[in-house]
Amino acid sequence: MNDKQQLAAMGEHTREMGNCVEDDAFRHLSREQMSDMILMLQNICQKSAFARFRIGDRVRKTKGSRWQGKVVGTYSTSLTPEGYAVESETEIGSVQIYPVSALELVK
């Protein structure tokens, strides 16, 4: 499936989510709030479709000090649009954050 097909499929799923949002659990929200929620979900879906790594992927730092582990989260800032939180395989519970350019997938 190419990128355009993935986006079309996500759009269809998001429309379905929008239909669900109108059910009982979200009746207290205004139409505008529901619309905002759907747009937010679409943004999340679009960003994750193009993400280089997924939660649970094993990655390692490519330069400098060594760090290898499992992706446990993501972040985004104005300087780092795509970044990852990586929990160390050797120091369980220790997490470092890195931009996508500093990491590679461990096969």
PDB file of N, CA and C in Angstrom:
ATOM      1  N   MET A   1       0.845  -1.173   0.000  1.00  0.00           N
ATOM      2  CA  MET A   1       0.000   0.000   0.000  1.00  0.00           C
ATOM      3  C   MET A   1       0.894   1.241   0.000  1.00  0.00           C
ATOM      4  N   ASN A   2       0.677   2.153  -0.930  1.00  0.00           N
ATOM      5  CA  ASN A   2       1.499   3.358  -0.980  1.00  0.00           C
ATOM      6  C   ASN A   2       0.971   4.417  -0.005  1.00  0.00           C
ATOM      7  N   ASP A   3       1.716   5.535   0.121  1.00  0.00           N
ATOM      8  CA  ASP A   3       1.364   6.579   1.094  1.00  0.00           C
ATOM      9  C   ASP A   3      -0.029   7.160   0.850  1.00  0.00           C
ATOM     10  N   LYS A   4      -0.383   7.400  -0.407  1.00  0.00           N
ATOM     11  CA  LYS A   4      -1.701   7.972  -0.709  1.00  0.00           C
ATOM     12  C   LYS A   4      -2.812   7.013  -0.303  1.00  0.00           C
ATOM     13  N   GLN A   5      -2.608   5.719  -0.552  1.00  0.00           N
ATOM     14  CA  GLN A   5      -3.617   4.730  -0.171  1.00  0.00           C
ATOM     15  C   GLN A   5      -3.742   4.650   1.349  1.00  0.00           C
ATOM     16  N   GLN A   6      -2.593   4.736   2.061  1.00  0.00           N
ATOM     17  CA  GLN A   6      -2.629   4.700   3.523  1.00  0.00           C
ATOM     18  C   GLN A   6      -3.386   5.899   4.065  1.00  0.00           C
ATOM     19  N   LEU A   7      -3.128   7.081   3.518  1.00  0.00           N
ATOM     20  CA  LEU A   7      -3.834   8.280   3.976  1.00  0.00           C
ATOM     21  C   LEU A   7      -5.329   8.181   3.700  1.00  0.00           C
ATOM     22  N   ALA A   8      -5.700   7.645   2.532  1.00  0.00           N
ATOM     23  CA  ALA A   8      -7.119   7.477   2.213  1.00  0.00           C
ATOM     24  C   ALA A   8      -7.772   6.525   3.199  1.00  0.00           C
ATOM     25  N   ALA A   9      -7.083   5.428   3.517  1.00  0.00           N
ATOM     26  CA  ALA A   9      -7.623   4.457   4.473  1.00  0.00           C
ATOM     27  C   ALA A   9      -7.764   5.086   5.857  1.00  0.00           C
ATOM     28  N   MET A  10      -6.765   5.873   6.269  1.00  0.00           N
ATOM     29  CA  MET A  10      -6.843   6.540   7.571  1.00  0.00           C
ATOM     30  C   MET A  10      -7.990   7.536   7.593  1.00  0.00           C
ATOM     31  N   GLY A  11      -8.205   8.236   6.491  1.00  0.00           N
ATOM     32  CA  GLY A  11      -9.316   9.178   6.423  1.00  0.00           C
ATOM     33  C   GLY A  11     -10.637   8.477   6.619  1.00  0.00           C
ATOM     34  N   GLU A  12     -10.780   7.303   6.012  1.00  0.00           N
ATOM     35  CA  GLU A  12     -12.010   6.529   6.160  1.00  0.00           C
ATOM     36  C   GLU A  12     -12.201   6.087   7.606  1.00  0.00           C
ATOM     37  N   HIS A  13     -11.121   5.606   8.247  1.00  0.00           N
ATOM     38  CA  HIS A  13     -11.206   5.199   9.652  1.00  0.00           C
ATOM     39  C   HIS A  13     -11.536   6.389  10.542  1.00  0.00           C
ATOM     40  N   THR A  14     -10.984   7.544  10.231  1.00  0.00           N
ATOM     41  CA  THR A  14     -11.251   8.737  11.033  1.00  0.00           C
ATOM     42  C   THR A  14     -12.703   9.148  10.901  1.00  0.00           C
ATOM     43  N   ARG A  15     -13.270   9.049   9.676  1.00  0.00           N
ATOM     44  CA  ARG A  15     -14.696   9.356   9.507  1.00  0.00           C
ATOM     45  C   ARG A  15     -15.538   8.396  10.334  1.00  0.00           C
ATOM     46  N   GLU A  16     -15.136   7.114  10.360  1.00  0.00           N
ATOM     47  CA  GLU A  16     -15.850   6.135  11.181  1.00  0.00           C
ATOM     48  C   GLU A  16     -15.758   6.510  12.654  1.00  0.00           C
ATOM     49  N   MET A  17     -14.564   6.963  13.097  1.00  0.00           N
ATOM     50  CA  MET A  17     -14.411   7.393  14.484  1.00  0.00           C
ATOM     51  C   MET A  17     -15.328   8.571  14.761  1.00  0.00           C
ATOM     52  N   GLY A  18     -15.447   9.472  13.793  1.00  0.00           N
ATOM     53  CA  GLY A  18     -16.329  10.616  13.956  1.00  0.00           C
ATOM     54  C   GLY A  18     -17.760  10.190  14.164  1.00  0.00           C
ATOM     55  N   ASN A  19     -18.189   9.143  13.455  1.00  0.00           N
ATOM     56  CA  ASN A  19     -19.539   8.629  13.652  1.00  0.00           C
ATOM     57  C   ASN A  19     -19.705   8.056  15.052  1.00  0.00           C
ATOM     58  N   CYS A  20     -18.669   7.381  15.548  1.00  0.00           N
ATOM     59  CA  CYS A  20     -18.713   6.821  16.898  1.00  0.00           C
ATOM     60  C   CYS A  20     -18.742   7.921  17.946  1.00  0.00           C
ATOM     61  N   VAL A  21     -18.040   9.016  17.682  1.00  0.00           N
ATOM     62  CA  VAL A  21     -17.968  10.113  18.633  1.00  0.00           C
ATOM     63  C   VAL A  21     -19.356  10.664  18.928  1.00  0.00           C
ATOM     64  N   GLU A  22     -20.272  10.565  17.969  1.00  0.00           N
ATOM     65  CA  GLU A  22     -21.615  11.086  18.178  1.00  0.00           C
ATOM     66  C   GLU A  22     -22.442  10.169  19.064  1.00  0.00           C
ATOM     67  N   ASP A  23     -21.919   9.015  19.461  1.00  0.00           N
ATOM     68  CA  ASP A  23     -22.634   8.103  20.343  1.00  0.00           C
ATOM     69  C   ASP A  23     -22.634   8.615  21.778  1.00  0.00           C
ATOM     70  N   ASP A  24     -23.204   7.830  22.675  1.00  0.00           N
ATOM     71  CA  ASP A  24     -23.454   8.219  24.071  1.00  0.00           C
ATOM     72  C   ASP A  24     -22.257   8.785  24.813  1.00  0.00           C
ATOM     73  N   ALA A  25     -21.083   8.205  24.678  1.00  0.00           N
ATOM     74  CA  ALA A  25     -19.936   8.582  25.500  1.00  0.00           C
ATOM     75  C   ALA A  25     -19.529  10.043  25.309  1.00  0.00           C
ATOM     76  N   PHE A  26     -19.861  10.626  24.169  1.00  0.00           N
ATOM     77  CA  PHE A  26     -19.412  11.971  23.868  1.00  0.00           C
ATOM     78  C   PHE A  26     -20.561  12.955  23.649  1.00  0.00           C
ATOM     79  N   ARG A  27     -21.743  12.634  24.128  1.00  0.00           N
ATOM     80  CA  ARG A  27     -22.908  13.504  23.920  1.00  0.00           C
ATOM     81  C   ARG A  27     -22.756  14.878  24.560  1.00  0.00           C
ATOM     82  N   HIS A  28     -21.950  14.963  25.610  1.00  0.00           N
ATOM     83  CA  HIS A  28     -21.779  16.241  26.301  1.00  0.00           C
ATOM     84  C   HIS A  28     -20.922  17.231  25.501  1.00  0.00           C
ATOM     85  N   LEU A  29     -20.227  16.758  24.475  1.00  0.00           N
ATOM     86  CA  LEU A  29     -19.376  17.635  23.667  1.00  0.00           C
ATOM     87  C   LEU A  29     -20.210  18.360  22.611  1.00  0.00           C
ATOM     88  N   SER A  30     -19.828  19.584  22.326  1.00  0.00           N
ATOM     89  CA  SER A  30     -20.492  20.322  21.244  1.00  0.00           C
ATOM     90  C   SER A  30     -20.005  19.773  19.905  1.00  0.00           C
ATOM     91  N   ARG A  31     -20.707  20.127  18.853  1.00  0.00           N
ATOM     92  CA  ARG A  31     -20.287  19.708  17.508  1.00  0.00           C
ATOM     93  C   ARG A  31     -18.888  20.237  17.200  1.00  0.00           C
ATOM     94  N   GLU A  32     -18.603  21.464  17.615  1.00  0.00           N
ATOM     95  CA  GLU A  32     -17.287  22.052  17.381  1.00  0.00           C
ATOM     96  C   GLU A  32     -16.204  21.285  18.130  1.00  0.00           C
ATOM     97  N   GLN A  33     -16.491  20.898  19.376  1.00  0.00           N
ATOM     98  CA  GLN A  33     -15.517  20.118  20.148  1.00  0.00           C
ATOM     99  C   GLN A  33     -15.283  18.758  19.507  1.00  0.00           C
ATOM    100  N   MET A  34     -16.357  18.129  19.004  1.00  0.00           N
ATOM    101  CA  MET A  34     -16.201  16.837  18.327  1.00  0.00           C
ATOM    102  C   MET A  34     -15.377  16.992  17.060  1.00  0.00           C
ATOM    103  N   SER A  35     -15.629  18.071  16.325  1.00  0.00           N
ATOM    104  CA  SER A  35     -14.870  18.331  15.105  1.00  0.00           C
ATOM    105  C   SER A  35     -13.389  18.522  15.427  1.00  0.00           C
ATOM    106  N   ASP A  36     -13.100  19.280  16.500  1.00  0.00           N
ATOM    107  CA  ASP A  36     -11.711  19.480  16.929  1.00  0.00           C
ATOM    108  C   ASP A  36     -11.059  18.151  17.300  1.00  0.00           C
ATOM    109  N   MET A  37     -11.810  17.284  17.991  1.00  0.00           N
ATOM    110  CA  MET A  37     -11.282  15.984  18.393  1.00  0.00           C
ATOM    111  C   MET A  37     -10.950  15.127  17.169  1.00  0.00           C
ATOM    112  N   ILE A  38     -11.815  15.150  16.170  1.00  0.00           N
ATOM    113  CA  ILE A  38     -11.580  14.372  14.951  1.00  0.00           C
ATOM    114  C   ILE A  38     -10.336  14.890  14.227  1.00  0.00           C
ATOM    115  N   LEU A  39     -10.172  16.215  14.147  1.00  0.00           N
ATOM    116  CA  LEU A  39      -8.976  16.779  13.508  1.00  0.00           C
ATOM    117  C   LEU A  39      -7.709  16.366  14.254  1.00  0.00           C
ATOM    118  N   MET A  40      -7.779  16.373  15.582  1.00  0.00           N
ATOM    119  CA  MET A  40      -6.629  15.955  16.378  1.00  0.00           C
ATOM    120  C   MET A  40      -6.283  14.486  16.098  1.00  0.00           C
ATOM    121  N   LEU A  41      -7.308  13.633  16.033  1.00  0.00           N
ATOM    122  CA  LEU A  41      -7.069  12.219  15.742  1.00  0.00           C
ATOM    123  C   LEU A  41      -6.482  12.033  14.345  1.00  0.00           C
ATOM    124  N   GLN A  42      -6.951  12.807  13.390  1.00  0.00           N
ATOM    125  CA  GLN A  42      -6.396  12.723  12.037  1.00  0.00           C
ATOM    126  C   GLN A  42      -4.921  13.098  12.040  1.00  0.00           C
ATOM    127  N   ASN A  43      -4.557  14.153  12.765  1.00  0.00           N
ATOM    128  CA  ASN A  43      -3.154  14.563  12.850  1.00  0.00           C
ATOM    129  C   ASN A  43      -2.301  13.468  13.458  1.00  0.00           C
ATOM    130  N   ILE A  44      -2.797  12.837  14.505  1.00  0.00           N
ATOM    131  CA  ILE A  44      -2.060  11.751  15.146  1.00  0.00           C
ATOM    132  C   ILE A  44      -1.871  10.601  14.165  1.00  0.00           C
ATOM    133  N   CYS A  45      -2.926  10.225  13.470  1.00  0.00           N
ATOM    134  CA  CYS A  45      -2.843   9.124  12.506  1.00  0.00           C
ATOM    135  C   CYS A  45      -1.864   9.442  11.389  1.00  0.00           C
ATOM    136  N   GLN A  46      -1.899  10.665  10.873  1.00  0.00           N
ATOM    137  CA  GLN A  46      -1.006  11.031   9.779  1.00  0.00           C
ATOM    138  C   GLN A  46       0.441  11.038  10.231  1.00  0.00           C
ATOM    139  N   LYS A  47       0.703  11.545  11.421  1.00  0.00           N
ATOM    140  CA  LYS A  47       2.082  11.566  11.911  1.00  0.00           C
ATOM    141  C   LYS A  47       2.600  10.158  12.113  1.00  0.00           C
ATOM    142  N   SER A  48       1.791   9.286  12.689  1.00  0.00           N
ATOM    143  CA  SER A  48       2.267   7.935  12.964  1.00  0.00           C
ATOM    144  C   SER A  48       2.452   7.121  11.690  1.00  0.00           C
ATOM    145  N   ALA A  49       1.727   7.467  10.621  1.00  0.00           N
ATOM    146  CA  ALA A  49       1.860   6.727   9.369  1.00  0.00           C
ATOM    147  C   ALA A  49       3.238   6.913   8.757  1.00  0.00           C
ATOM    148  N   PHE A  50       3.859   8.057   9.027  1.00  0.00           N
ATOM    149  CA  PHE A  50       5.149   8.345   8.430  1.00  0.00           C
ATOM    150  C   PHE A  50       6.293   8.245   9.429  1.00  0.00           C
ATOM    151  N   ALA A  51       6.017   7.815  10.645  1.00  0.00           N
ATOM    152  CA  ALA A  51       7.054   7.697  11.664  1.00  0.00           C
ATOM    153  C   ALA A  51       8.062   6.629  11.244  1.00  0.00           C
ATOM    154  N   ARG A  52       9.315   6.891  11.536  1.00  0.00           N
ATOM    155  CA  ARG A  52      10.368   5.952  11.151  1.00  0.00           C
ATOM    156  C   ARG A  52      10.384   4.727  12.054  1.00  0.00           C
ATOM    157  N   PHE A  53      10.123   4.940  13.349  1.00  0.00           N
ATOM    158  CA  PHE A  53      10.122   3.835  14.313  1.00  0.00           C
ATOM    159  C   PHE A  53       8.771   3.752  15.010  1.00  0.00           C
ATOM    160  N   ARG A  54       8.462   2.580  15.525  1.00  0.00           N
ATOM    161  CA  ARG A  54       7.220   2.328  16.254  1.00  0.00           C
ATOM    162  C   ARG A  54       7.550   1.988  17.705  1.00  0.00           C
ATOM    163  N   ILE A  55       6.590   2.170  18.587  1.00  0.00           N
ATOM    164  CA  ILE A  55       6.750   1.757  19.980  1.00  0.00           C
ATOM    165  C   ILE A  55       7.090   0.265  19.990  1.00  0.00           C
ATOM    166  N   GLY A  56       8.120  -0.087  20.738  1.00  0.00           N
ATOM    167  CA  GLY A  56       8.550  -1.486  20.819  1.00  0.00           C
ATOM    168  C   GLY A  56       9.711  -1.841  19.907  1.00  0.00           C
ATOM    169  N   ASP A  57       9.996  -1.014  18.902  1.00  0.00           N
ATOM    170  CA  ASP A  57      11.134  -1.274  18.011  1.00  0.00           C
ATOM    171  C   ASP A  57      12.437  -1.207  18.808  1.00  0.00           C
ATOM    172  N   ARG A  58      13.386  -2.072  18.443  1.00  0.00           N
ATOM    173  CA  ARG A  58      14.734  -2.007  19.025  1.00  0.00           C
ATOM    174  C   ARG A  58      15.577  -1.077  18.159  1.00  0.00           C
ATOM    175  N   VAL A  59      16.207  -0.092  18.800  1.00  0.00           N
ATOM    176  CA  VAL A  59      17.026   0.887  18.093  1.00  0.00           C
ATOM    177  C   VAL A  59      18.338   1.080  18.840  1.00  0.00           C
ATOM    178  N   ARG A  60      19.302   1.698  18.139  1.00  0.00           N
ATOM    179  CA  ARG A  60      20.559   2.074  18.797  1.00  0.00           C
ATOM    180  C   ARG A  60      20.998   3.431  18.291  1.00  0.00           C
ATOM    181  N   LYS A  61      21.737   4.119  19.138  1.00  0.00           N
ATOM    182  CA  LYS A  61      22.309   5.413  18.788  1.00  0.00           C
ATOM    183  C   LYS A  61      23.438   5.153  17.799  1.00  0.00           C
ATOM    184  N   THR A  62      23.540   5.990  16.775  1.00  0.00           N
ATOM    185  CA  THR A  62      24.505   5.719  15.698  1.00  0.00           C
ATOM    186  C   THR A  62      25.878   6.320  15.938  1.00  0.00           C
ATOM    187  N   LYS A  63      25.988   7.377  16.761  1.00  0.00           N
ATOM    188  CA  LYS A  63      27.284   8.038  16.968  1.00  0.00           C
ATOM    189  C   LYS A  63      27.473   8.373  18.436  1.00  0.00           C
ATOM    190  N   GLY A  64      28.724   8.625  18.801  1.00  0.00           N
ATOM    191  CA  GLY A  64      29.013   9.039  20.175  1.00  0.00           C
ATOM    192  C   GLY A  64      28.825   7.905  21.174  1.00  0.00           C
ATOM    193  N   SER A  65      28.332   8.263  22.345  1.00  0.00           N
ATOM    194  CA  SER A  65      28.140   7.248  23.387  1.00  0.00           C
ATOM    195  C   SER A  65      27.138   6.192  22.927  1.00  0.00           C
ATOM    196  N   ARG A  66      27.282   4.994  23.503  1.00  0.00           N
ATOM    197  CA  ARG A  66      26.422   3.878  23.099  1.00  0.00           C
ATOM    198  C   ARG A  66      25.100   3.919  23.855  1.00  0.00           C
ATOM    199  N   TRP A  67      24.019   3.631  23.151  1.00  0.00           N
ATOM    200  CA  TRP A  67      22.702   3.497  23.783  1.00  0.00           C
ATOM    201  C   TRP A  67      21.859   2.630  22.871  1.00  0.00           C
ATOM    202  N   GLN A  68      21.400   1.527  23.399  1.00  0.00           N
ATOM    203  CA  GLN A  68      20.549   0.620  22.624  1.00  0.00           C
ATOM    204  C   GLN A  68      19.400   0.201  23.495  1.00  0.00           C
ATOM    205  N   GLY A  69      18.235   0.135  22.882  1.00  0.00           N
ATOM    206  CA  GLY A  69      17.074  -0.273  23.651  1.00  0.00           C
ATOM    207  C   GLY A  69      15.808  -0.271  22.831  1.00  0.00           C
ATOM    208  N   LYS A  70      14.701  -0.144  23.550  1.00  0.00           N
ATOM    209  CA  LYS A  70      13.379  -0.243  22.960  1.00  0.00           C
ATOM    210  C   LYS A  70      12.720   1.138  22.952  1.00  0.00           C
ATOM    211  N   VAL A  71      12.084   1.480  21.831  1.00  0.00           N
ATOM    212  CA  VAL A  71      11.338   2.732  21.739  1.00  0.00           C
ATOM    213  C   VAL A  71      10.123   2.625  22.659  1.00  0.00           C
ATOM    214  N   VAL A  72      10.022   3.585  23.592  1.00  0.00           N
ATOM    215  CA  VAL A  72       8.908   3.568  24.550  1.00  0.00           C
ATOM    216  C   VAL A  72       8.020   4.805  24.428  1.00  0.00           C
ATOM    217  N   GLY A  73       8.408   5.737  23.555  1.00  0.00           N
ATOM    218  CA  GLY A  73       7.596   6.936  23.378  1.00  0.00           C
ATOM    219  C   GLY A  73       8.138   7.814  22.276  1.00  0.00           C
ATOM    220  N   THR A  74       7.386   8.848  21.981  1.00  0.00           N
ATOM    221  CA  THR A  74       7.784   9.808  20.958  1.00  0.00           C
ATOM    222  C   THR A  74       7.652  11.222  21.507  1.00  0.00           C
ATOM    223  N   TYR A  75       8.303  12.159  20.862  1.00  0.00           N
ATOM    224  CA  TYR A  75       8.133  13.568  21.209  1.00  0.00           C
ATOM    225  C   TYR A  75       8.366  14.412  19.977  1.00  0.00           C
ATOM    226  N   SER A  76       7.941  15.641  20.066  1.00  0.00           N
ATOM    227  CA  SER A  76       8.113  16.569  18.960  1.00  0.00           C
ATOM    228  C   SER A  76       8.283  17.976  19.527  1.00  0.00           C
ATOM    229  N   THR A  77       9.287  18.698  19.023  1.00  0.00           N
ATOM    230  CA  THR A  77       9.501  20.093  19.408  1.00  0.00           C
ATOM    231  C   THR A  77       9.757  20.885  18.139  1.00  0.00           C
ATOM    232  N   SER A  78       9.893  22.198  18.286  1.00  0.00           N
ATOM    233  CA  SER A  78      10.174  23.010  17.099  1.00  0.00           C
ATOM    234  C   SER A  78      11.537  22.665  16.499  1.00  0.00           C
ATOM    235  N   LEU A  79      12.490  22.266  17.326  1.00  0.00           N
ATOM    236  CA  LEU A  79      13.818  21.881  16.821  1.00  0.00           C
ATOM    237  C   LEU A  79      13.903  20.413  16.434  1.00  0.00           C
ATOM    238  N   THR A  80      13.082  19.582  17.038  1.00  0.00           N
ATOM    239  CA  THR A  80      13.090  18.135  16.768  1.00  0.00           C
ATOM    240  C   THR A  80      11.673  17.692  16.428  1.00  0.00           C
ATOM    241  N   PRO A  81      11.294  17.765  15.157  1.00  0.00           N
ATOM    242  CA  PRO A  81       9.925  17.397  14.792  1.00  0.00           C
ATOM    243  C   PRO A  81       9.601  15.916  15.031  1.00  0.00           C
ATOM    244  N   GLU A  82      10.626  15.062  14.972  1.00  0.00           N
ATOM    245  CA  GLU A  82      10.410  13.630  15.200  1.00  0.00           C
ATOM    246  C   GLU A  82      11.498  13.116  16.132  1.00  0.00           C
ATOM    247  N   GLY A  83      11.120  12.810  17.351  1.00  0.00           N
ATOM    248  CA  GLY A  83      12.069  12.308  18.338  1.00  0.00           C
ATOM    249  C   GLY A  83      11.506  11.103  19.063  1.00  0.00           C
ATOM    250  N   TYR A  84      12.399  10.334  19.675  1.00  0.00           N
ATOM    251  CA  TYR A  84      11.999   9.080  20.325  1.00  0.00           C
ATOM    252  C   TYR A  84      12.597   8.958  21.719  1.00  0.00           C
ATOM    253  N   ALA A  85      11.823   8.380  22.625  1.00  0.00           N
ATOM    254  CA  ALA A  85      12.293   8.025  23.959  1.00  0.00           C
ATOM    255  C   ALA A  85      12.684   6.551  23.896  1.00  0.00           C
ATOM    256  N   VAL A  86      13.919   6.253  24.301  1.00  0.00           N
ATOM    257  CA  VAL A  86      14.447   4.886  24.185  1.00  0.00           C
ATOM    258  C   VAL A  86      14.861   4.386  25.565  1.00  0.00           C
ATOM    259  N   GLU A  87      14.259   3.267  25.986  1.00  0.00           N
ATOM    260  CA  GLU A  87      14.623   2.646  27.262  1.00  0.00           C
ATOM    261  C   GLU A  87      15.789   1.690  27.023  1.00  0.00           C
ATOM    262  N   SER A  88      16.836   1.832  27.826  1.00  0.00           N
ATOM    263  CA  SER A  88      18.046   1.031  27.673  1.00  0.00           C
ATOM    264  C   SER A  88      17.776  -0.454  27.904  1.00  0.00           C
ATOM    265  N   GLU A  89      18.459  -1.288  27.123  1.00  0.00           N
ATOM    266  CA  GLU A  89      18.386  -2.740  27.331  1.00  0.00           C
ATOM    267  C   GLU A  89      19.227  -3.181  28.523  1.00  0.00           C
ATOM    268  N   THR A  90      20.265  -2.416  28.846  1.00  0.00           N
ATOM    269  CA  THR A  90      21.165  -2.813  29.927  1.00  0.00           C
ATOM    270  C   THR A  90      20.857  -2.121  31.247  1.00  0.00           C
ATOM    271  N   GLU A  91      20.314  -0.921  31.176  1.00  0.00           N
ATOM    272  CA  GLU A  91      19.948  -0.164  32.378  1.00  0.00           C
ATOM    273  C   GLU A  91      18.432  -0.014  32.395  1.00  0.00           C
ATOM    274  N   ILE A  92      17.745  -1.090  32.767  1.00  0.00           N
ATOM    275  CA  ILE A  92      16.285  -1.116  32.713  1.00  0.00           C
ATOM    276  C   ILE A  92      15.697   0.055  33.499  1.00  0.00           C
ATOM    277  N   GLY A  93      14.771   0.751  32.865  1.00  0.00           N
ATOM    278  CA  GLY A  93      14.141   1.902  33.489  1.00  0.00           C
ATOM    279  C   GLY A  93      14.788   3.218  33.115  1.00  0.00           C
ATOM    280  N   SER A  94      16.011   3.172  32.579  1.00  0.00           N
ATOM    281  CA  SER A  94      16.699   4.394  32.149  1.00  0.00           C
ATOM    282  C   SER A  94      16.265   4.730  30.729  1.00  0.00           C
ATOM    283  N   VAL A  95      15.840   5.972  30.544  1.00  0.00           N
ATOM    284  CA  VAL A  95      15.333   6.408  29.241  1.00  0.00           C
ATOM    285  C   VAL A  95      16.098   7.646  28.785  1.00  0.00           C
ATOM    286  N   GLN A  96      16.455   7.662  27.512  1.00  0.00           N
ATOM    287  CA  GLN A  96      17.077   8.824  26.878  1.00  0.00           C
ATOM    288  C   GLN A  96      16.205   9.217  25.694  1.00  0.00           C
ATOM    289  N   ILE A  97      16.228  10.505  25.340  1.00  0.00           N
ATOM    290  CA  ILE A  97      15.495  10.949  24.150  1.00  0.00           C
ATOM    291  C   ILE A  97      16.484  11.351  23.065  1.00  0.00           C
ATOM    292  N   TYR A  98      16.125  11.002  21.817  1.00  0.00           N
ATOM    293  CA  TYR A  98      16.991  11.277  20.673  1.00  0.00           C
ATOM    294  C   TYR A  98      16.155  11.687  19.467  1.00  0.00           C
ATOM    295  N   PRO A  99      16.714  12.554  18.615  1.00  0.00           N
ATOM    296  CA  PRO A  99      16.043  12.842  17.344  1.00  0.00           C
ATOM    297  C   PRO A  99      16.155  11.629  16.425  1.00  0.00           C
ATOM    298  N   VAL A 100      15.261  11.515  15.483  1.00  0.00           N
ATOM    299  CA  VAL A 100      15.241  10.375  14.563  1.00  0.00           C
ATOM    300  C   VAL A 100      16.595  10.198  13.871  1.00  0.00           C
ATOM    301  N   SER A 101      17.274  11.297  13.562  1.00  0.00           N
ATOM    302  CA  SER A 101      18.536  11.218  12.835  1.00  0.00           C
ATOM    303  C   SER A 101      19.655  10.557  13.636  1.00  0.00           C
ATOM    304  N   ALA A 102      19.498  10.425  14.944  1.00  0.00           N
ATOM    305  CA  ALA A 102      20.537   9.829  15.792  1.00  0.00           C
ATOM    306  C   ALA A 102      20.349   8.341  16.012  1.00  0.00           C
ATOM    307  N   LEU A 103      19.296   7.758  15.449  1.00  0.00           N
ATOM    308  CA  LEU A 103      18.963   6.363  15.722  1.00  0.00           C
ATOM    309  C   LEU A 103      18.906   5.523  14.462  1.00  0.00           C
ATOM    310  N   GLU A 104      19.131   4.213  14.665  1.00  0.00           N
ATOM    311  CA  GLU A 104      18.931   3.255  13.596  1.00  0.00           C
ATOM    312  C   GLU A 104      18.250   2.019  14.165  1.00  0.00           C
ATOM    313  N   LEU A 105      17.514   1.308  13.322  1.00  0.00           N
ATOM    314  CA  LEU A 105      16.806   0.106  13.714  1.00  0.00           C
ATOM    315  C   LEU A 105      17.792  -1.033  13.949  1.00  0.00           C
ATOM    316  N   VAL A 106      17.606  -1.802  15.015  1.00  0.00           N
ATOM    317  CA  VAL A 106      18.413  -2.989  15.277  1.00  0.00           C
ATOM    318  C   VAL A 106      17.634  -4.178  14.717  1.00  0.00           C
ATOM    319  N   LYS A 107      18.304  -4.934  13.863  1.00  0.00           N
ATOM    320  CA  LYS A 107      17.628  -6.083  13.236  1.00  0.00           C
ATOM    321  C   LYS A 107      17.880  -7.369  13.978  1.00  0.00           C
TER     322      LYS A 107
END
